[in-house]
Amino acid sequence: MKRFILPAILLLGFLLRVLWIDKVPVGFTPDEASFGYDAYSILHTGRDQWGNFLPTTLKSFGDYKSPLYAYLTIPSVAIFGLNVFAVRIPNAIVGALAVYVVYLLIKEVFTSLGIKGSWRYAIMGAFLVSINSWTVMMSRGAFEANLVTLFIPLGIYLFLKKKYNLSALVFGLTLFTYHSAKLITPIVVFGLVAIFWRQLQRIDIRKLMFPLLILLLFIAMFAYSQVVGGAGRINERIIFQGALEEGAKAKIELIQKGTNPTFAKLLHNKYQVVAQRFVTNYLQYFSFRFLFTRGAAETTYGMIPGVGVLYIFEGILLLGLIPAVFDKRTRKIVLIFLVWLFVAPIPAALATGVGFSANRAEAMVPVLQILEVFGVYGLGVLLSRFDKKVISLASFVFALFVIFQIQHVFRVYFTSSPLVAAPGMLSGNIEVAAWLYQNSDGKNVIISRKLSEPQIYVAFANKWDPGNYQNATRDWKVETWVDQIPVYSLGKYTFKNIDLKTDIKIPNTLVVGLPEEFLPGQTPVKIFYFPDGRKSIEVLDTSLKQYASTN
């Protein structure tokens, strides 16, 4: 029976991530379509959508994404074709593999500590990761932040197993997974080297040269990617933006109220603004609201507001860290994992936005689940003083609570999330692009720029020839973001703001936009709906002439 437990957990983790993956999360974001099309383009031409050969950063829409997810998607696109399933399945596999890697890591750590039953603790860790709603939801879309949940623990595990070459390779690749990994990975590597410095000193230096060269090669590639544009995304999203103006405004208001200028400057300046922003942002990722009640604030990454990123029972397990920290055997290793946990939200705290961003802080997974396992150990130390019958009864009640919470969260996710997440996941965008591919023969097409990067949906649905697409992007003359170009085109498709007075007079043309961009009384040839029945996108056919006056 014992030998079937781990395979059952791995199967559970995989099924939770892969079932109905092309339908839940509902919708398909521009970032997902971009990763898929870049994989398709590299597969056929060796170049991304902008014509860059085997890029170390993806220009995408001008936001410069980390490239690893696109490269991982190439095999599935080659096998299944360019579709939603092919683009999302690599992340489901990564999420399932993370379950197994966490099992290996916990077993290695507990064995090295001489704790009996290391296999049981490893099984607990694997189960906790397999059913954690945060990592499951992030594994079901082409969300590159989820790669960190596999690569960081894998790098640590290989290091602990003294497979330094492979560990260096994995940590090097981690730099190209997601923006947050660019800060977290060096800290983790430095921490490992510092902790195991004496052990490393006893190794022949020649055996460490090759992993060092691997790391240096990846660092050089990473530095190059920042030079060619990878730092642009970070600079645009960092909390330093506007700090000087905000501090100056508050300072002037104080001075106008009679405060001494020097004292006002000490109270309000750009450093004070940045520090305040950072502390506020950072603490929200350890708030009860984020962890247990409301969860993520946005639906654009497959998460659903109103569901905490952790179960309540996980919080109970984390309470067991208190005795684990004071236990001589586990104190040092627990502190190491706590450092990882406290470092993980720093990139999210440094970024602007709505906050409570589950994708930016996802490096907190799976270290939270690893710490929960240490919490189980700590609780075991405390409960060992109680009667076994009491422990058995408490364990049974706790197990029922665990089952109730898990079924509730996933029932909500698979049944209610399409209603909640559809607008944030831009439901309708890929569907309208596919419809246009089938129904626009012989017609010109005008698509509103308000549909959010509509050109990538057109390229994805049409399986647009990559060489032709690369030629088109050269004419767009993008200096910042694609959606800031007033008018641009791809074949018969023109992307611009809709001007009804002009556009409906263009013969034989389909005009595509949001419902609010059209006037009452105009009869669409096609309407796309959100799952809750609200209109998502409308298509007008100018050849039908069934419109009300635009005056």
Protein backbone atom coordinates (compact mmCIF):
# COMPACT_ATOMS: atom_id res chain seq x y z
CA MET A 1 0.00 0.00 0.00
CA LYS A 2 2.83 2.38 0.91
CA ARG A 3 4.28 2.29 -2.60
CA PHE A 4 1.01 3.57 -4.10
CA ILE A 5 0.67 6.67 -1.92
CA LEU A 6 3.21 8.88 -3.72
CA PRO A 7 1.99 7.92 -7.24
CA ALA A 8 -1.58 8.65 -6.10
CA ILE A 9 -0.57 12.09 -4.83
CA LEU A 10 1.34 12.85 -8.05
CA LEU A 11 -1.69 11.75 -10.09
CA LEU A 12 -3.97 13.93 -7.98
CA GLY A 13 -1.67 16.91 -8.45
CA PHE A 14 -1.53 16.39 -12.20
CA LEU A 15 -5.28 15.92 -12.61
CA LEU A 16 -6.08 19.06 -10.62
CA ARG A 17 -3.81 20.96 -12.99
CA VAL A 18 -4.74 19.41 -16.33
CA LEU A 19 -8.47 18.58 -16.32
CA TRP A 20 -10.41 21.01 -18.56
CA ILE A 21 -7.27 23.12 -18.84
CA ASP A 22 -8.38 24.59 -22.18
CA LYS A 23 -11.64 25.82 -20.59
CA VAL A 24 -10.70 26.71 -17.01
CA PRO A 25 -9.49 29.34 -16.45
CA VAL A 26 -12.00 30.74 -18.91
CA GLY A 27 -10.54 33.15 -21.46
CA PHE A 28 -7.03 33.44 -22.80
CA THR A 29 -4.80 36.39 -21.97
CA PRO A 30 -2.59 38.28 -24.45
CA ASP A 31 0.48 37.08 -22.53
CA GLU A 32 -0.59 33.46 -22.99
CA ALA A 33 -1.19 34.00 -26.70
CA SER A 34 2.16 35.75 -27.00
CA PHE A 35 4.07 32.90 -25.36
CA GLY A 36 2.32 30.44 -27.64
CA TYR A 37 2.97 32.41 -30.80
CA ASP A 38 6.61 33.04 -29.87
CA ALA A 39 7.03 29.28 -29.39
CA TYR A 40 5.37 28.71 -32.77
CA SER A 41 7.59 31.33 -34.41
CA ILE A 42 10.83 29.99 -32.87
CA LEU A 43 9.82 26.45 -33.82
CA HIS A 44 9.46 27.36 -37.49
CA THR A 45 12.03 30.14 -37.94
CA GLY A 46 14.34 30.14 -34.92
CA ARG A 47 13.17 33.72 -34.29
CA ASP A 48 10.52 35.28 -32.07
CA GLN A 49 7.62 37.40 -33.33
CA TRP A 50 9.94 40.40 -33.68
CA GLY A 51 12.55 38.51 -35.70
CA ASN A 52 15.09 38.11 -32.89
CA PHE A 53 17.13 34.90 -33.20
CA LEU A 54 16.86 32.58 -30.17
CA PRO A 55 16.17 35.56 -27.89
CA THR A 56 17.22 35.74 -24.24
CA THR A 57 14.31 38.10 -23.61
CA LEU A 58 10.99 38.35 -25.42
CA LYS A 59 9.98 41.83 -26.58
CA SER A 60 6.35 40.66 -26.72
CA PHE A 61 4.22 43.85 -26.63
CA GLY A 62 7.07 46.04 -25.42
CA ASP A 63 7.01 44.62 -21.88
CA TYR A 64 9.99 42.24 -22.36
CA LYS A 65 9.06 38.90 -20.85
CA SER A 66 11.44 36.23 -19.58
CA PRO A 67 11.79 33.65 -22.37
CA LEU A 68 11.95 30.22 -20.71
CA TYR A 69 8.23 29.53 -20.81
CA ALA A 70 8.14 30.07 -24.58
CA TYR A 71 11.01 27.62 -25.07
CA LEU A 72 9.29 25.04 -22.87
CA THR A 73 6.15 25.42 -24.98
CA ILE A 74 7.87 24.56 -28.28
CA PRO A 75 7.53 20.75 -27.88
CA SER A 76 3.81 20.87 -27.06
CA VAL A 77 3.12 23.26 -29.95
CA ALA A 78 5.03 20.93 -32.25
CA ILE A 79 2.96 17.96 -31.05
CA PHE A 80 -0.52 19.46 -30.56
CA GLY A 81 -0.40 22.49 -32.82
CA LEU A 82 -0.94 26.13 -31.88
CA ASN A 83 -3.92 26.05 -29.52
CA VAL A 84 -4.86 26.86 -25.92
CA PHE A 85 -4.17 23.33 -24.65
CA ALA A 86 -0.68 23.24 -26.18
CA VAL A 87 0.24 26.58 -24.60
CA ARG A 88 -1.03 25.72 -21.12
CA ILE A 89 0.02 22.08 -20.77
CA PRO A 90 3.72 22.83 -20.07
CA ASN A 91 2.74 24.73 -16.93
CA ALA A 92 0.49 21.90 -15.74
CA ILE A 93 3.42 19.51 -16.13
CA VAL A 94 5.73 21.93 -14.30
CA GLY A 95 3.23 22.18 -11.45
CA ALA A 96 2.94 18.40 -11.19
CA LEU A 97 6.72 17.98 -11.26
CA ALA A 98 7.02 20.55 -8.46
CA VAL A 99 5.00 18.17 -6.27
CA TYR A 100 7.58 15.42 -6.79
CA VAL A 101 10.57 17.73 -6.34
CA VAL A 102 9.19 19.00 -3.03
CA TYR A 103 8.81 15.37 -1.94
CA LEU A 104 12.48 14.72 -2.78
CA LEU A 105 13.66 17.92 -1.10
CA ILE A 106 11.78 17.33 2.16
CA LYS A 107 12.87 13.70 2.31
CA GLU A 108 16.50 14.74 1.80
CA VAL A 109 16.31 17.46 4.46
CA PHE A 110 14.58 15.34 7.11
CA THR A 111 16.89 12.39 6.44
CA SER A 112 19.95 14.62 6.85
CA LEU A 113 18.52 15.84 10.17
CA GLY A 114 18.18 12.26 11.38
CA ILE A 115 14.42 12.59 11.88
CA LYS A 116 12.57 9.28 11.82
CA GLY A 117 9.78 8.90 9.28
CA SER A 118 11.30 11.29 6.73
CA TRP A 119 9.22 9.51 4.08
CA ARG A 120 6.00 10.44 5.88
CA TYR A 121 6.99 14.09 6.15
CA ALA A 122 7.93 14.11 2.46
CA ILE A 123 4.54 12.61 1.58
CA MET A 124 2.82 15.33 3.60
CA GLY A 125 4.76 18.01 1.74
CA ALA A 126 3.93 16.51 -1.65
CA PHE A 127 0.23 16.35 -0.73
CA LEU A 128 0.17 19.94 0.51
CA VAL A 129 1.70 21.22 -2.74
CA SER A 130 -0.53 19.01 -4.90
CA ILE A 131 -3.76 20.46 -3.47
CA ASN A 132 -2.66 24.03 -2.70
CA SER A 133 -5.10 26.27 -4.58
CA TRP A 134 -2.47 28.97 -5.25
CA THR A 135 -0.12 26.74 -7.19
CA VAL A 136 -2.95 24.75 -8.83
CA MET A 137 -4.56 27.88 -10.25
CA MET A 138 -1.23 29.30 -11.37
CA SER A 139 -0.41 25.96 -13.03
CA ARG A 140 -3.52 25.99 -15.21
CA GLY A 141 -2.60 28.92 -17.45
CA ALA A 142 0.51 29.94 -19.36
CA PHE A 143 1.68 31.95 -16.34
CA GLU A 144 5.47 31.96 -16.27
CA ALA A 145 5.63 32.92 -12.58
CA ASN A 146 4.70 29.32 -11.78
CA LEU A 147 8.04 28.05 -13.13
CA VAL A 148 9.73 29.32 -9.97
CA THR A 149 7.84 26.76 -7.87
CA LEU A 150 9.74 23.99 -9.65
CA PHE A 151 13.13 25.48 -10.44
CA ILE A 152 14.09 26.94 -7.05
CA PRO A 153 13.37 23.79 -4.97
CA LEU A 154 14.93 21.65 -7.71
CA GLY A 155 18.10 23.75 -7.62
CA ILE A 156 18.26 23.45 -3.83
CA TYR A 157 17.66 19.69 -3.90
CA LEU A 158 20.41 19.11 -6.48
CA PHE A 159 22.77 21.26 -4.40
CA LEU A 160 22.04 19.23 -1.27
CA LYS A 161 22.66 16.03 -3.27
CA LYS A 162 26.04 17.54 -4.27
CA LYS A 163 25.10 17.52 -7.96
CA TYR A 164 26.61 20.95 -8.39
CA ASN A 165 26.70 20.99 -12.19
CA LEU A 166 22.98 20.29 -12.48
CA SER A 167 22.20 22.66 -9.62
CA ALA A 168 24.09 25.47 -11.37
CA LEU A 169 22.24 24.73 -14.61
CA VAL A 170 18.84 24.86 -12.90
CA PHE A 171 19.63 28.05 -10.99
CA GLY A 172 20.95 29.60 -14.21
CA LEU A 173 17.71 28.75 -16.03
CA THR A 174 15.73 30.16 -13.11
CA LEU A 175 17.00 33.64 -14.02
CA PHE A 176 14.96 33.33 -17.22
CA THR A 177 11.70 32.12 -15.67
CA TYR A 178 10.09 35.25 -14.27
CA HIS A 179 11.11 38.75 -13.18
CA SER A 180 10.87 37.98 -9.44
CA ALA A 181 13.37 35.11 -9.86
CA LYS A 182 16.02 37.60 -10.95
CA LEU A 183 16.19 38.90 -7.38
CA ILE A 184 15.33 35.75 -5.43
CA THR A 185 17.67 33.29 -7.20
CA PRO A 186 20.97 35.08 -6.39
CA ILE A 187 19.92 35.37 -2.74
CA VAL A 188 19.07 31.66 -2.53
CA VAL A 189 22.35 30.67 -4.21
CA PHE A 190 24.36 32.98 -1.96
CA GLY A 191 22.57 31.58 1.09
CA LEU A 192 23.36 27.99 0.10
CA VAL A 193 27.02 28.80 -0.48
CA ALA A 194 27.26 30.66 2.84
CA ILE A 195 25.56 27.89 4.82
CA PHE A 196 27.59 25.07 3.26
CA TRP A 197 30.83 27.01 2.86
CA ARG A 198 32.87 24.66 5.05
CA GLN A 199 31.58 21.66 3.12
CA LEU A 200 32.47 23.32 -0.19
CA GLN A 201 35.98 24.12 1.05
CA ARG A 202 36.68 20.42 1.43
CA ILE A 203 35.91 19.75 -2.25
CA ASP A 204 38.61 19.80 -4.89
CA ILE A 205 38.43 23.26 -6.46
CA ARG A 206 38.61 21.71 -9.93
CA LYS A 207 35.24 20.02 -9.33
CA LEU A 208 33.65 23.39 -8.59
CA MET A 209 35.06 25.20 -11.61
CA PHE A 210 32.54 23.80 -14.10
CA PRO A 211 29.39 24.71 -12.09
CA LEU A 212 30.92 28.14 -11.52
CA LEU A 213 31.45 28.54 -15.27
CA ILE A 214 27.84 27.49 -15.88
CA LEU A 215 26.60 30.16 -13.48
CA LEU A 216 28.86 32.80 -15.00
CA LEU A 217 27.60 31.94 -18.48
CA PHE A 218 23.98 32.35 -17.41
CA ILE A 219 24.80 35.56 -15.55
CA ALA A 220 26.41 36.93 -18.72
CA MET A 221 23.35 35.93 -20.79
CA PHE A 222 21.10 37.50 -18.19
CA ALA A 223 23.09 40.73 -18.16
CA TYR A 224 22.89 40.86 -21.95
CA SER A 225 19.12 40.35 -21.85
CA GLN A 226 18.81 43.34 -19.52
CA VAL A 227 20.87 45.50 -21.85
CA VAL A 228 18.69 44.68 -24.89
CA GLY A 229 15.48 45.51 -23.07
CA GLY A 230 14.75 43.12 -20.24
CA ALA A 231 15.16 45.84 -17.61
CA GLY A 232 12.50 47.98 -19.25
CA ARG A 233 9.63 46.07 -17.66
CA ILE A 234 11.19 46.35 -14.20
CA ASN A 235 11.86 50.07 -14.56
CA GLU A 236 8.26 50.76 -15.60
CA ARG A 237 6.73 48.77 -12.75
CA ILE A 238 8.99 49.72 -9.85
CA ILE A 239 7.74 51.71 -6.84
CA PHE A 240 10.36 54.44 -7.36
CA GLN A 241 8.23 55.80 -10.20
CA GLY A 242 6.58 59.07 -9.12
CA ALA A 243 8.07 58.94 -5.62
CA LEU A 244 9.84 62.30 -6.01
CA GLU A 245 6.64 64.05 -7.12
CA GLU A 246 4.54 62.47 -4.34
CA GLY A 247 7.07 63.38 -1.66
CA ALA A 248 7.39 66.94 -2.98
CA LYS A 249 3.62 67.43 -3.00
CA ALA A 250 3.27 66.31 0.63
CA LYS A 251 6.26 68.47 1.62
CA ILE A 252 4.79 71.59 0.01
CA GLU A 253 1.44 71.04 1.74
CA LEU A 254 3.21 70.93 5.12
CA ILE A 255 5.22 74.08 4.36
CA GLN A 256 2.05 75.91 3.34
CA LYS A 257 0.60 75.00 6.76
CA GLY A 258 3.57 76.66 8.46
CA THR A 259 5.93 73.73 9.01
CA ASN A 260 9.66 74.45 8.89
CA PRO A 261 10.91 73.58 5.33
CA THR A 262 13.82 71.49 6.59
CA PHE A 263 11.60 69.52 8.95
CA ALA A 264 8.98 69.10 6.20
CA LYS A 265 11.65 67.71 3.90
CA LEU A 266 12.73 65.21 6.57
CA LEU A 267 9.13 64.01 6.93
CA HIS A 268 8.28 63.87 3.24
CA ASN A 269 10.79 63.01 0.52
CA LYS A 270 11.21 60.38 -2.17
CA TYR A 271 13.00 57.99 0.19
CA GLN A 272 10.15 58.19 2.73
CA VAL A 273 7.60 57.57 -0.04
CA VAL A 274 9.49 54.56 -1.41
CA ALA A 275 9.96 53.10 2.09
CA GLN A 276 6.28 53.55 2.91
CA ARG A 277 5.22 51.99 -0.37
CA PHE A 278 7.57 49.05 0.14
CA VAL A 279 6.49 48.30 3.71
CA THR A 280 2.79 48.55 2.81
CA ASN A 281 3.22 46.33 -0.25
CA TYR A 282 5.39 43.81 1.56
CA LEU A 283 3.16 43.33 4.59
CA GLN A 284 0.07 42.66 2.48
CA TYR A 285 1.55 39.33 1.36
CA PHE A 286 1.61 38.15 4.98
CA SER A 287 -1.84 39.50 5.78
CA PHE A 288 -4.71 37.28 6.85
CA ARG A 289 -6.71 38.82 4.00
CA PHE A 290 -4.31 37.66 1.30
CA LEU A 291 -3.37 34.31 2.78
CA PHE A 292 -6.69 33.01 4.07
CA THR A 293 -9.77 35.07 3.16
CA ARG A 294 -9.69 37.20 0.01
CA GLY A 295 -6.55 36.02 -1.80
CA ALA A 296 -5.44 37.68 -5.04
CA ALA A 297 -6.90 41.04 -6.01
CA GLU A 298 -7.04 40.35 -9.74
CA THR A 299 -8.28 37.60 -12.03
CA THR A 300 -5.80 38.11 -14.88
CA TYR A 301 -3.65 35.17 -13.78
CA GLY A 302 -6.31 32.56 -13.24
CA MET A 303 -6.80 33.40 -9.57
CA ILE A 304 -10.25 34.15 -8.15
CA PRO A 305 -10.74 36.90 -5.55
CA GLY A 306 -12.55 35.74 -2.45
CA VAL A 307 -10.50 32.57 -2.04
CA GLY A 308 -7.38 32.73 0.10
CA VAL A 309 -4.13 31.48 -1.41
CA LEU A 310 -3.80 29.12 1.57
CA TYR A 311 -6.34 26.94 3.35
CA ILE A 312 -7.15 27.72 6.97
CA PHE A 313 -5.72 24.33 7.94
CA GLU A 314 -2.39 25.37 6.43
CA GLY A 315 -2.34 28.30 8.82
CA ILE A 316 -2.87 25.88 11.71
CA LEU A 317 0.09 23.80 10.52
CA LEU A 318 2.26 26.91 10.32
CA LEU A 319 1.66 27.50 14.03
CA GLY A 320 3.75 24.38 14.60
CA LEU A 321 6.80 26.36 13.42
CA ILE A 322 7.03 27.90 16.88
CA PRO A 323 8.25 24.71 18.59
CA ALA A 324 10.19 23.75 15.43
CA VAL A 325 12.20 27.00 15.63
CA PHE A 326 13.14 26.23 19.23
CA ASP A 327 13.98 22.59 18.54
CA LYS A 328 17.77 22.25 18.34
CA ARG A 329 17.59 19.68 15.57
CA THR A 330 15.41 21.71 13.17
CA ARG A 331 16.17 25.30 14.18
CA LYS A 332 18.90 26.01 11.62
CA ILE A 333 17.17 24.54 8.57
CA VAL A 334 13.82 26.15 9.49
CA LEU A 335 15.51 29.54 9.68
CA ILE A 336 16.97 28.96 6.20
CA PHE A 337 13.52 28.29 4.75
CA LEU A 338 12.11 31.29 6.63
CA VAL A 339 14.70 33.49 4.93
CA TRP A 340 13.51 32.14 1.56
CA LEU A 341 9.91 32.90 2.57
CA PHE A 342 10.65 36.45 3.71
CA VAL A 343 12.69 37.21 0.58
CA ALA A 344 10.06 35.82 -1.81
CA PRO A 345 7.58 38.77 -1.67
CA ILE A 346 10.27 41.44 -2.09
CA PRO A 347 9.94 41.65 -5.92
CA ALA A 348 6.16 41.97 -5.54
CA ALA A 349 6.61 44.66 -2.89
CA LEU A 350 8.91 46.63 -5.20
CA ALA A 351 6.31 46.66 -7.97
CA THR A 352 3.43 49.04 -8.55
CA GLY A 353 -0.10 47.88 -9.30
CA VAL A 354 -3.28 46.83 -7.54
CA GLY A 355 -1.40 44.79 -4.94
CA PHE A 356 -2.17 41.34 -3.55
CA SER A 357 -0.59 39.98 -6.73
CA ALA A 358 -0.44 36.19 -6.51
CA ASN A 359 1.74 35.84 -9.61
CA ARG A 360 4.44 38.27 -8.45
CA ALA A 361 4.66 36.63 -5.02
CA GLU A 362 4.39 33.02 -6.16
CA ALA A 363 7.96 32.28 -5.07
CA MET A 364 6.34 31.92 -1.62
CA VAL A 365 5.17 28.55 -2.98
CA PRO A 366 6.30 25.87 -2.18
CA VAL A 367 8.39 27.14 0.71
CA LEU A 368 5.18 27.74 2.66
CA GLN A 369 4.25 24.08 2.26
CA ILE A 370 7.77 23.00 3.25
CA LEU A 371 7.45 25.10 6.40
CA GLU A 372 4.04 23.57 7.04
CA VAL A 373 5.71 20.16 7.13
CA PHE A 374 8.09 21.47 9.78
CA GLY A 375 4.97 22.74 11.51
CA VAL A 376 3.63 19.17 11.52
CA TYR A 377 6.90 18.08 13.13
CA GLY A 378 6.64 20.87 15.73
CA LEU A 379 3.03 20.03 16.52
CA GLY A 380 4.05 16.40 16.85
CA VAL A 381 6.58 17.40 19.51
CA LEU A 382 3.87 19.24 21.46
CA LEU A 383 1.16 16.61 21.04
CA SER A 384 3.46 13.79 22.11
CA ARG A 385 2.64 14.76 25.68
CA PHE A 386 -1.06 13.97 25.20
CA ASP A 387 -2.90 10.66 25.33
CA LYS A 388 -2.84 8.77 22.02
CA LYS A 389 -6.62 8.50 21.93
CA VAL A 390 -6.93 12.28 22.18
CA ILE A 391 -4.38 12.68 19.39
CA SER A 392 -6.23 10.18 17.20
CA LEU A 393 -9.55 11.96 17.72
CA ALA A 394 -8.01 15.38 17.02
CA SER A 395 -6.33 14.02 13.88
CA PHE A 396 -9.64 12.58 12.64
CA VAL A 397 -11.48 15.89 13.14
CA PHE A 398 -8.64 17.79 11.50
CA ALA A 399 -8.71 15.41 8.50
CA LEU A 400 -12.45 16.04 8.03
CA PHE A 401 -11.78 19.80 8.14
CA VAL A 402 -9.04 19.41 5.54
CA ILE A 403 -11.31 17.46 3.18
CA PHE A 404 -14.14 19.98 3.60
CA GLN A 405 -11.89 22.94 2.78
CA ILE A 406 -10.29 21.31 -0.26
CA GLN A 407 -13.59 20.27 -1.85
CA HIS A 408 -15.10 23.72 -1.17
CA VAL A 409 -12.24 25.63 -2.82
CA PHE A 410 -12.14 23.48 -5.94
CA ARG A 411 -15.92 23.39 -6.26
CA VAL A 412 -15.88 27.18 -6.25
CA TYR A 413 -12.96 27.27 -8.68
CA PHE A 414 -14.35 24.93 -11.31
CA THR A 415 -17.98 26.08 -11.11
CA SER A 416 -17.89 29.77 -10.16
CA SER A 417 -14.56 31.06 -11.44
CA PRO A 418 -15.72 31.29 -15.09
CA LEU A 419 -18.36 33.81 -13.98
CA VAL A 420 -15.88 35.82 -11.92
CA ALA A 421 -12.69 35.61 -13.97
CA ALA A 422 -14.01 35.96 -17.54
CA PRO A 423 -13.50 39.76 -17.91
CA GLY A 424 -10.04 39.69 -16.31
CA MET A 425 -8.97 36.76 -18.49
CA LEU A 426 -10.38 38.59 -21.57
CA SER A 427 -12.90 35.93 -22.47
CA GLY A 428 -14.04 36.45 -26.05
CA ASN A 429 -10.78 37.76 -27.50
CA ILE A 430 -9.44 34.46 -28.80
CA GLU A 431 -12.96 33.39 -29.79
CA VAL A 432 -13.54 36.48 -31.95
CA ALA A 433 -10.13 36.02 -33.59
CA ALA A 434 -11.02 32.40 -34.43
CA TRP A 435 -14.44 33.50 -35.76
CA LEU A 436 -12.83 36.15 -37.96
CA TYR A 437 -10.45 33.53 -39.35
CA GLN A 438 -13.47 31.48 -40.47
CA ASN A 439 -15.80 34.30 -41.54
CA SER A 440 -13.80 37.21 -42.95
CA ASP A 441 -12.89 35.91 -46.42
CA GLY A 442 -12.90 38.76 -48.91
CA LYS A 443 -13.44 41.39 -46.21
CA ASN A 444 -11.28 43.96 -44.50
CA VAL A 445 -11.26 43.92 -40.71
CA ILE A 446 -10.98 46.82 -38.29
CA ILE A 447 -10.32 45.79 -34.67
CA SER A 448 -10.44 48.17 -31.75
CA ARG A 449 -7.20 48.59 -29.82
CA LYS A 450 -9.32 48.39 -26.66
CA LEU A 451 -9.44 44.61 -27.10
CA SER A 452 -5.92 44.52 -25.60
CA GLU A 453 -3.19 43.48 -28.02
CA PRO A 454 -5.65 42.13 -30.63
CA GLN A 455 -2.87 41.48 -33.16
CA ILE A 456 -1.51 38.55 -31.15
CA TYR A 457 -4.93 36.90 -31.04
CA VAL A 458 -5.22 37.27 -34.82
CA ALA A 459 -1.75 35.78 -35.32
CA PHE A 460 -2.52 32.94 -32.90
CA ALA A 461 -5.94 32.01 -34.33
CA ASN A 462 -4.77 32.31 -37.95
CA LYS A 463 -1.53 30.45 -37.24
CA TRP A 464 -0.02 33.38 -39.09
CA ASP A 465 3.12 32.65 -41.05
CA PRO A 466 5.91 33.72 -38.64
CA GLY A 467 8.12 35.14 -41.39
CA ASN A 468 5.25 37.30 -42.62
CA TYR A 469 4.42 38.39 -39.08
CA GLN A 470 8.04 39.33 -38.40
CA ASN A 471 8.04 41.49 -41.53
CA ALA A 472 4.90 43.24 -40.31
CA THR A 473 6.34 43.99 -36.87
CA ARG A 474 9.30 45.76 -38.47
CA ASP A 475 6.88 48.33 -39.92
CA TRP A 476 5.18 49.07 -36.60
CA LYS A 477 8.14 51.09 -35.28
CA VAL A 478 7.43 50.27 -31.66
CA GLU A 479 9.29 52.52 -29.22
CA THR A 480 7.39 51.54 -26.08
CA TRP A 481 4.23 49.39 -26.14
CA VAL A 482 2.41 48.12 -29.21
CA ASP A 483 -0.95 49.36 -27.93
CA GLN A 484 0.41 52.93 -27.94
CA ILE A 485 0.70 52.90 -31.73
CA PRO A 486 -2.30 54.86 -33.11
CA VAL A 487 -2.78 52.67 -36.19
CA TYR A 488 -1.02 49.49 -37.30
CA SER A 489 -1.93 46.57 -39.53
CA LEU A 490 -1.38 42.87 -40.15
CA GLY A 491 -2.49 41.83 -43.61
CA LYS A 492 -6.18 42.76 -44.00
CA TYR A 493 -6.49 43.48 -40.27
CA THR A 494 -6.21 47.09 -39.10
CA PHE A 495 -5.88 47.89 -35.39
CA LYS A 496 -6.97 51.34 -34.24
CA ASN A 497 -9.53 53.24 -32.22
CA ILE A 498 -12.98 52.82 -33.70
CA ASP A 499 -14.46 55.92 -35.41
CA LEU A 500 -18.02 54.95 -36.28
CA LYS A 501 -18.72 57.95 -38.50
CA THR A 502 -15.86 56.90 -40.75
CA ASP A 503 -15.55 53.16 -40.28
CA ILE A 504 -19.13 52.17 -41.16
CA LYS A 505 -18.75 53.96 -44.50
CA ILE A 506 -15.85 51.69 -45.51
CA PRO A 507 -17.38 49.02 -47.78
CA ASN A 508 -17.10 45.30 -47.16
CA THR A 509 -15.54 45.66 -43.71
CA LEU A 510 -16.01 43.97 -40.35
CA VAL A 511 -15.69 46.32 -37.39
CA VAL A 512 -14.82 44.61 -34.09
CA GLY A 513 -14.98 46.26 -30.70
CA LEU A 514 -16.36 46.36 -27.18
CA PRO A 515 -20.15 46.80 -26.81
CA GLU A 516 -19.76 50.34 -25.43
CA GLU A 517 -17.95 51.42 -28.60
CA PHE A 518 -21.11 51.00 -30.70
CA LEU A 519 -24.35 52.95 -30.74
CA PRO A 520 -27.75 51.60 -29.63
CA GLY A 521 -29.73 50.27 -32.56
CA GLN A 522 -26.79 49.08 -34.57
CA THR A 523 -27.23 45.39 -35.40
CA PRO A 524 -24.11 43.27 -34.89
CA VAL A 525 -23.51 40.37 -37.23
CA LYS A 526 -21.97 38.50 -34.28
CA ILE A 527 -22.01 38.96 -30.51
CA PHE A 528 -19.69 37.22 -28.04
CA TYR A 529 -20.79 36.81 -24.43
CA PHE A 530 -19.18 36.30 -21.04
CA PRO A 531 -20.35 33.15 -19.20
CA ASP A 532 -22.71 35.28 -17.06
CA GLY A 533 -24.56 36.49 -20.17
CA ARG A 534 -23.03 39.95 -20.46
CA LYS A 535 -21.82 41.05 -23.87
CA SER A 536 -18.09 40.76 -24.38
CA ILE A 537 -17.35 41.74 -28.00
CA GLU A 538 -19.49 42.78 -30.97
CA VAL A 539 -18.84 42.57 -34.72
CA LEU A 540 -20.51 44.87 -37.26
CA ASP A 541 -20.57 44.17 -41.00
CA THR A 542 -20.64 47.42 -43.00
CA SER A 543 -21.98 45.63 -46.07
CA LEU A 544 -25.29 44.95 -44.27
CA LYS A 545 -26.08 48.66 -43.77
CA GLN A 546 -28.27 47.93 -40.74
CA TYR A 547 -27.20 50.82 -38.58
CA ALA A 548 -28.80 53.70 -36.79
CA SER A 549 -27.55 57.20 -37.53
CA THR A 550 -24.15 57.98 -36.07
CA ASN A 551 -24.98 61.68 -35.68
